[in-house]
Amino acid sequence: MWAVRLLYLQCAGLAALTVWLTIVTVTRTLDVVAMAIALIVLAAIGAVSVFFVARALGRRSLHARGPAIVVQLFVIAAGGFLVQVHPLCLGLVMLAWGVLTGVLVVVPPTTRALGVD
């Protein structure tokens, strides 16, 4: 259940990012409005996708395990990027969060709960 909770928190983070990007886009004059809108749409799609993965994993669907791992690989990659550029502390948090959630998705109790064993 902790893996599902962490996935829901990731969904909430992506939703907050979507709202923040929308506010920034609306309140500033941007030369590249199309790129800003595309970024907002991608963040929203990510939030919805992670929500459905978390919900499916919470319902103990075995097919949600692969997408949950892929989501964590993206979180780890984003954290690694932030470690290289800035802010370092946020990058380290994202790295740890991605690794922790990924491990929780594949540990034996989760495997048993999904009915693999």
N, C-alpha and C. Protein backbone atom coordinates (compact mmCIF):
# COMPACT_ATOMS: atom_id res chain seq x y z
N MET A 1 0.82 -1.21 0.00
CA MET A 1 0.00 0.00 0.00
C MET A 1 0.86 1.27 0.00
N TRP A 2 2.09 1.18 0.54
CA TRP A 2 2.94 2.37 0.54
C TRP A 2 3.33 2.77 -0.87
N ALA A 3 3.52 1.80 -1.73
CA ALA A 3 3.85 2.13 -3.13
C ALA A 3 2.69 2.89 -3.77
N VAL A 4 1.48 2.48 -3.48
CA VAL A 4 0.30 3.17 -4.03
C VAL A 4 0.20 4.58 -3.47
N ARG A 5 0.46 4.72 -2.17
CA ARG A 5 0.40 6.06 -1.56
C ARG A 5 1.45 6.99 -2.17
N LEU A 6 2.65 6.46 -2.37
CA LEU A 6 3.70 7.29 -2.97
C LEU A 6 3.38 7.65 -4.41
N LEU A 7 2.74 6.74 -5.14
CA LEU A 7 2.31 7.05 -6.51
C LEU A 7 1.24 8.14 -6.50
N TYR A 8 0.31 8.07 -5.56
CA TYR A 8 -0.70 9.14 -5.46
C TYR A 8 -0.05 10.48 -5.11
N LEU A 9 0.98 10.46 -4.27
CA LEU A 9 1.70 11.70 -3.96
C LEU A 9 2.41 12.24 -5.20
N GLN A 10 2.95 11.35 -6.02
CA GLN A 10 3.56 11.80 -7.27
C GLN A 10 2.52 12.41 -8.19
N CYS A 11 1.34 11.81 -8.22
CA CYS A 11 0.24 12.37 -9.02
C CYS A 11 -0.12 13.77 -8.51
N ALA A 12 -0.20 13.94 -7.21
CA ALA A 12 -0.51 15.25 -6.64
C ALA A 12 0.58 16.26 -6.98
N GLY A 13 1.84 15.82 -6.95
CA GLY A 13 2.94 16.71 -7.32
C GLY A 13 2.85 17.15 -8.78
N LEU A 14 2.51 16.22 -9.66
CA LEU A 14 2.35 16.58 -11.07
C LEU A 14 1.15 17.50 -11.29
N ALA A 15 0.09 17.29 -10.53
CA ALA A 15 -1.07 18.17 -10.63
C ALA A 15 -0.71 19.58 -10.15
N ALA A 16 0.05 19.66 -9.06
CA ALA A 16 0.49 20.97 -8.56
C ALA A 16 1.41 21.65 -9.57
N LEU A 17 2.29 20.87 -10.20
CA LEU A 17 3.15 21.42 -11.25
C LEU A 17 2.32 21.96 -12.40
N THR A 18 1.28 21.25 -12.78
CA THR A 18 0.40 21.71 -13.86
C THR A 18 -0.25 23.04 -13.50
N VAL A 19 -0.76 23.14 -12.28
CA VAL A 19 -1.39 24.40 -11.84
C VAL A 19 -0.36 25.53 -11.83
N TRP A 20 0.82 25.25 -11.30
CA TRP A 20 1.87 26.28 -11.24
C TRP A 20 2.26 26.74 -12.64
N LEU A 21 2.46 25.80 -13.56
CA LEU A 21 2.81 26.17 -14.93
C LEU A 21 1.71 26.99 -15.59
N THR A 22 0.47 26.65 -15.30
CA THR A 22 -0.65 27.42 -15.86
C THR A 22 -0.64 28.84 -15.31
N ILE A 23 -0.42 28.99 -14.02
CA ILE A 23 -0.39 30.33 -13.42
C ILE A 23 0.76 31.14 -14.00
N VAL A 24 1.92 30.53 -14.12
CA VAL A 24 3.08 31.24 -14.67
C VAL A 24 2.82 31.65 -16.11
N THR A 25 2.20 30.78 -16.88
CA THR A 25 1.93 31.09 -18.28
C THR A 25 0.92 32.22 -18.42
N VAL A 26 -0.09 32.22 -17.57
CA VAL A 26 -1.14 33.24 -17.66
C VAL A 26 -0.65 34.60 -17.17
N THR A 27 0.20 34.62 -16.16
CA THR A 27 0.59 35.89 -15.55
C THR A 27 1.81 36.55 -16.21
N ARG A 28 2.48 35.85 -17.08
CA ARG A 28 3.66 36.43 -17.74
C ARG A 28 3.44 36.53 -19.23
N THR A 29 4.17 37.44 -19.82
CA THR A 29 4.15 37.52 -21.27
C THR A 29 5.24 36.60 -21.81
N LEU A 30 4.82 35.64 -22.59
CA LEU A 30 5.75 34.66 -23.12
C LEU A 30 5.85 34.79 -24.63
N ASP A 31 7.05 34.64 -25.12
CA ASP A 31 7.25 34.64 -26.56
C ASP A 31 6.91 33.29 -27.17
N VAL A 32 7.01 32.28 -26.38
CA VAL A 32 6.78 30.92 -26.86
C VAL A 32 5.57 30.31 -26.16
N VAL A 33 4.40 30.82 -26.46
CA VAL A 33 3.17 30.37 -25.81
C VAL A 33 2.88 28.92 -26.17
N ALA A 34 3.12 28.53 -27.40
CA ALA A 34 2.83 27.15 -27.82
C ALA A 34 3.65 26.16 -27.00
N MET A 35 4.91 26.47 -26.75
CA MET A 35 5.76 25.58 -25.96
C MET A 35 5.26 25.51 -24.52
N ALA A 36 4.85 26.63 -23.97
CA ALA A 36 4.34 26.65 -22.60
C ALA A 36 3.06 25.82 -22.49
N ILE A 37 2.18 25.97 -23.46
CA ILE A 37 0.94 25.19 -23.44
C ILE A 37 1.23 23.70 -23.59
N ALA A 38 2.18 23.36 -24.45
CA ALA A 38 2.56 21.95 -24.61
C ALA A 38 3.11 21.38 -23.31
N LEU A 39 3.90 22.15 -22.59
CA LEU A 39 4.45 21.70 -21.31
C LEU A 39 3.34 21.49 -20.29
N ILE A 40 2.37 22.38 -20.27
CA ILE A 40 1.23 22.24 -19.36
C ILE A 40 0.44 20.98 -19.69
N VAL A 41 0.19 20.75 -20.97
CA VAL A 41 -0.57 19.57 -21.39
C VAL A 41 0.19 18.29 -21.02
N LEU A 42 1.50 18.28 -21.24
CA LEU A 42 2.29 17.09 -20.88
C LEU A 42 2.28 16.83 -19.38
N ALA A 43 2.37 17.88 -18.57
CA ALA A 43 2.31 17.70 -17.12
C ALA A 43 0.94 17.17 -16.69
N ALA A 44 -0.12 17.66 -17.31
CA ALA A 44 -1.46 17.19 -16.99
C ALA A 44 -1.64 15.73 -17.41
N ILE A 45 -1.14 15.37 -18.58
CA ILE A 45 -1.22 13.97 -19.03
C ILE A 45 -0.43 13.08 -18.08
N GLY A 46 0.73 13.54 -17.63
CA GLY A 46 1.52 12.78 -16.67
C GLY A 46 0.77 12.56 -15.37
N ALA A 47 0.11 13.61 -14.88
CA ALA A 47 -0.64 13.49 -13.62
C ALA A 47 -1.77 12.48 -13.75
N VAL A 48 -2.49 12.55 -14.86
CA VAL A 48 -3.61 11.62 -15.07
C VAL A 48 -3.09 10.19 -15.23
N SER A 49 -2.00 10.04 -15.96
CA SER A 49 -1.43 8.70 -16.17
C SER A 49 -0.97 8.08 -14.85
N VAL A 50 -0.27 8.85 -14.04
CA VAL A 50 0.21 8.33 -12.76
C VAL A 50 -0.99 8.01 -11.86
N PHE A 51 -2.04 8.79 -11.92
CA PHE A 51 -3.25 8.50 -11.14
C PHE A 51 -3.82 7.15 -11.52
N PHE A 52 -3.94 6.88 -12.83
CA PHE A 52 -4.51 5.61 -13.26
C PHE A 52 -3.60 4.43 -12.91
N VAL A 53 -2.30 4.63 -12.97
CA VAL A 53 -1.37 3.57 -12.58
C VAL A 53 -1.51 3.29 -11.08
N ALA A 54 -1.58 4.34 -10.28
CA ALA A 54 -1.73 4.16 -8.83
C ALA A 54 -3.05 3.48 -8.50
N ARG A 55 -4.10 3.88 -9.18
CA ARG A 55 -5.40 3.27 -8.92
C ARG A 55 -5.40 1.79 -9.30
N ALA A 56 -4.81 1.47 -10.45
CA ALA A 56 -4.75 0.07 -10.88
C ALA A 56 -3.90 -0.76 -9.93
N LEU A 57 -2.78 -0.19 -9.48
CA LEU A 57 -1.94 -0.91 -8.53
C LEU A 57 -2.67 -1.08 -7.20
N GLY A 58 -3.42 -0.08 -6.79
CA GLY A 58 -4.22 -0.18 -5.56
C GLY A 58 -5.30 -1.24 -5.66
N ARG A 59 -5.77 -1.47 -6.88
CA ARG A 59 -6.78 -2.53 -7.10
C ARG A 59 -6.13 -3.89 -7.35
N ARG A 60 -4.83 -3.94 -7.16
CA ARG A 60 -4.04 -5.16 -7.28
C ARG A 60 -4.05 -5.74 -8.68
N SER A 61 -3.94 -4.88 -9.66
CA SER A 61 -3.82 -5.31 -11.04
C SER A 61 -2.34 -5.57 -11.35
N LEU A 62 -2.04 -6.78 -11.76
CA LEU A 62 -0.66 -7.14 -12.07
C LEU A 62 -0.10 -6.31 -13.22
N HIS A 63 -0.96 -5.91 -14.14
CA HIS A 63 -0.51 -5.15 -15.30
C HIS A 63 -0.11 -3.72 -14.98
N ALA A 64 -0.37 -3.25 -13.78
CA ALA A 64 0.02 -1.89 -13.37
C ALA A 64 1.45 -1.83 -12.88
N ARG A 65 2.05 -2.98 -12.63
CA ARG A 65 3.39 -3.01 -12.06
C ARG A 65 4.44 -2.48 -13.04
N GLY A 66 4.38 -2.88 -14.28
CA GLY A 66 5.33 -2.40 -15.29
C GLY A 66 5.28 -0.89 -15.47
N PRO A 67 4.08 -0.32 -15.70
CA PRO A 67 4.00 1.15 -15.81
C PRO A 67 4.45 1.88 -14.55
N ALA A 68 4.22 1.29 -13.38
CA ALA A 68 4.67 1.92 -12.13
C ALA A 68 6.19 2.00 -12.10
N ILE A 69 6.85 0.95 -12.58
CA ILE A 69 8.31 0.96 -12.63
C ILE A 69 8.80 1.99 -13.65
N VAL A 70 8.13 2.09 -14.79
CA VAL A 70 8.52 3.08 -15.80
C VAL A 70 8.39 4.49 -15.25
N VAL A 71 7.32 4.76 -14.51
CA VAL A 71 7.15 6.07 -13.88
C VAL A 71 8.32 6.37 -12.95
N GLN A 72 8.74 5.36 -12.19
CA GLN A 72 9.85 5.58 -11.26
C GLN A 72 11.16 5.82 -12.00
N LEU A 73 11.34 5.17 -13.14
CA LEU A 73 12.54 5.43 -13.94
C LEU A 73 12.57 6.88 -14.42
N PHE A 74 11.41 7.42 -14.78
CA PHE A 74 11.33 8.83 -15.17
C PHE A 74 11.63 9.75 -13.99
N VAL A 75 11.12 9.39 -12.81
CA VAL A 75 11.38 10.19 -11.61
C VAL A 75 12.87 10.18 -11.29
N ILE A 76 13.50 9.00 -11.40
CA ILE A 76 14.93 8.89 -11.13
C ILE A 76 15.73 9.71 -12.15
N ALA A 77 15.32 9.64 -13.42
CA ALA A 77 16.02 10.41 -14.45
C ALA A 77 15.89 11.92 -14.20
N ALA A 78 14.69 12.36 -13.83
CA ALA A 78 14.50 13.79 -13.55
C ALA A 78 15.30 14.20 -12.33
N GLY A 79 15.36 13.34 -11.32
CA GLY A 79 16.16 13.64 -10.13
C GLY A 79 17.64 13.72 -10.46
N GLY A 80 18.11 12.83 -11.31
CA GLY A 80 19.51 12.88 -11.73
C GLY A 80 19.84 14.14 -12.49
N PHE A 81 18.90 14.59 -13.32
CA PHE A 81 19.09 15.85 -14.03
C PHE A 81 19.18 17.02 -13.06
N LEU A 82 18.29 17.04 -12.07
CA LEU A 82 18.30 18.13 -11.09
C LEU A 82 19.57 18.12 -10.25
N VAL A 83 20.11 16.95 -9.97
CA VAL A 83 21.37 16.88 -9.22
C VAL A 83 22.49 17.54 -10.02
N GLN A 84 22.45 17.38 -11.33
CA GLN A 84 23.50 17.94 -12.18
C GLN A 84 23.37 19.44 -12.38
N VAL A 85 22.14 19.95 -12.45
CA VAL A 85 21.97 21.38 -12.74
C VAL A 85 21.61 22.20 -11.51
N HIS A 86 20.55 21.97 -10.87
CA HIS A 86 20.08 22.62 -9.64
C HIS A 86 18.60 22.43 -9.53
N PRO A 87 17.97 22.47 -8.44
CA PRO A 87 18.49 22.45 -7.08
C PRO A 87 18.89 21.03 -6.66
N LEU A 88 20.00 20.93 -6.02
CA LEU A 88 20.57 19.65 -5.62
C LEU A 88 19.67 18.90 -4.65
N CYS A 89 19.12 19.61 -3.65
CA CYS A 89 18.31 18.93 -2.63
C CYS A 89 17.04 18.32 -3.25
N LEU A 90 16.41 19.03 -4.17
CA LEU A 90 15.21 18.49 -4.83
C LEU A 90 15.58 17.27 -5.68
N GLY A 91 16.71 17.33 -6.35
CA GLY A 91 17.16 16.19 -7.13
C GLY A 91 17.40 14.96 -6.28
N LEU A 92 18.03 15.15 -5.13
CA LEU A 92 18.28 14.02 -4.23
C LEU A 92 16.98 13.44 -3.68
N VAL A 93 16.04 14.31 -3.37
CA VAL A 93 14.73 13.84 -2.89
C VAL A 93 14.04 13.03 -3.98
N MET A 94 14.07 13.52 -5.21
CA MET A 94 13.42 12.79 -6.30
C MET A 94 14.11 11.46 -6.57
N LEU A 95 15.43 11.43 -6.50
CA LEU A 95 16.15 10.17 -6.66
C LEU A 95 15.74 9.16 -5.60
N ALA A 96 15.74 9.60 -4.35
CA ALA A 96 15.38 8.70 -3.25
C ALA A 96 13.93 8.24 -3.37
N TRP A 97 13.04 9.16 -3.72
CA TRP A 97 11.62 8.84 -3.85
C TRP A 97 11.40 7.82 -4.96
N GLY A 98 12.05 8.02 -6.10
CA GLY A 98 11.90 7.10 -7.21
C GLY A 98 12.44 5.71 -6.89
N VAL A 99 13.59 5.66 -6.24
CA VAL A 99 14.17 4.37 -5.88
C VAL A 99 13.29 3.67 -4.84
N LEU A 100 12.85 4.41 -3.82
CA LEU A 100 12.02 3.82 -2.77
C LEU A 100 10.71 3.27 -3.34
N THR A 101 10.04 4.05 -4.16
CA THR A 101 8.77 3.60 -4.73
C THR A 101 8.99 2.42 -5.66
N GLY A 102 10.05 2.47 -6.46
CA GLY A 102 10.35 1.35 -7.35
C GLY A 102 10.62 0.07 -6.60
N VAL A 103 11.36 0.17 -5.50
CA VAL A 103 11.64 -1.01 -4.68
C VAL A 103 10.35 -1.53 -4.04
N LEU A 104 9.51 -0.62 -3.57
CA LEU A 104 8.25 -1.05 -2.94
C LEU A 104 7.33 -1.75 -3.94
N VAL A 105 7.43 -1.41 -5.21
CA VAL A 105 6.59 -2.05 -6.21
C VAL A 105 7.03 -3.49 -6.49
N VAL A 106 8.31 -3.79 -6.30
CA VAL A 106 8.80 -5.12 -6.66
C VAL A 106 9.16 -6.02 -5.47
N VAL A 107 9.00 -5.55 -4.24
CA VAL A 107 9.33 -6.38 -3.08
C VAL A 107 8.36 -7.57 -2.99
N PRO A 108 8.78 -8.65 -2.34
CA PRO A 108 7.94 -9.86 -2.26
C PRO A 108 6.52 -9.64 -1.71
N PRO A 109 6.30 -8.81 -0.68
CA PRO A 109 4.91 -8.63 -0.24
C PRO A 109 4.00 -8.04 -1.33
N THR A 110 4.56 -7.12 -2.14
CA THR A 110 3.77 -6.57 -3.23
C THR A 110 3.52 -7.64 -4.29
N THR A 111 4.52 -8.43 -4.56
CA THR A 111 4.37 -9.52 -5.53
C THR A 111 3.29 -10.50 -5.08
N ARG A 112 3.28 -10.84 -3.80
CA ARG A 112 2.23 -11.73 -3.29
C ARG A 112 0.86 -11.07 -3.37
N ALA A 113 0.79 -9.76 -3.04
CA ALA A 113 -0.50 -9.07 -3.08
C ALA A 113 -1.05 -9.00 -4.50
N LEU A 114 -0.16 -8.95 -5.49
CA LEU A 114 -0.61 -8.93 -6.88
C LEU A 114 -0.91 -10.31 -7.42
N GLY A 115 -0.64 -11.34 -6.64
CA GLY A 115 -0.99 -12.69 -7.02
C GLY A 115 0.01 -13.37 -7.93
N VAL A 116 1.26 -12.89 -7.94
CA VAL A 116 2.28 -13.50 -8.79
C VAL A 116 2.80 -14.77 -8.14
N ASP A 117 2.98 -14.78 -6.82
CA ASP A 117 3.48 -15.97 -6.13
C ASP A 117 2.41 -16.99 -5.92
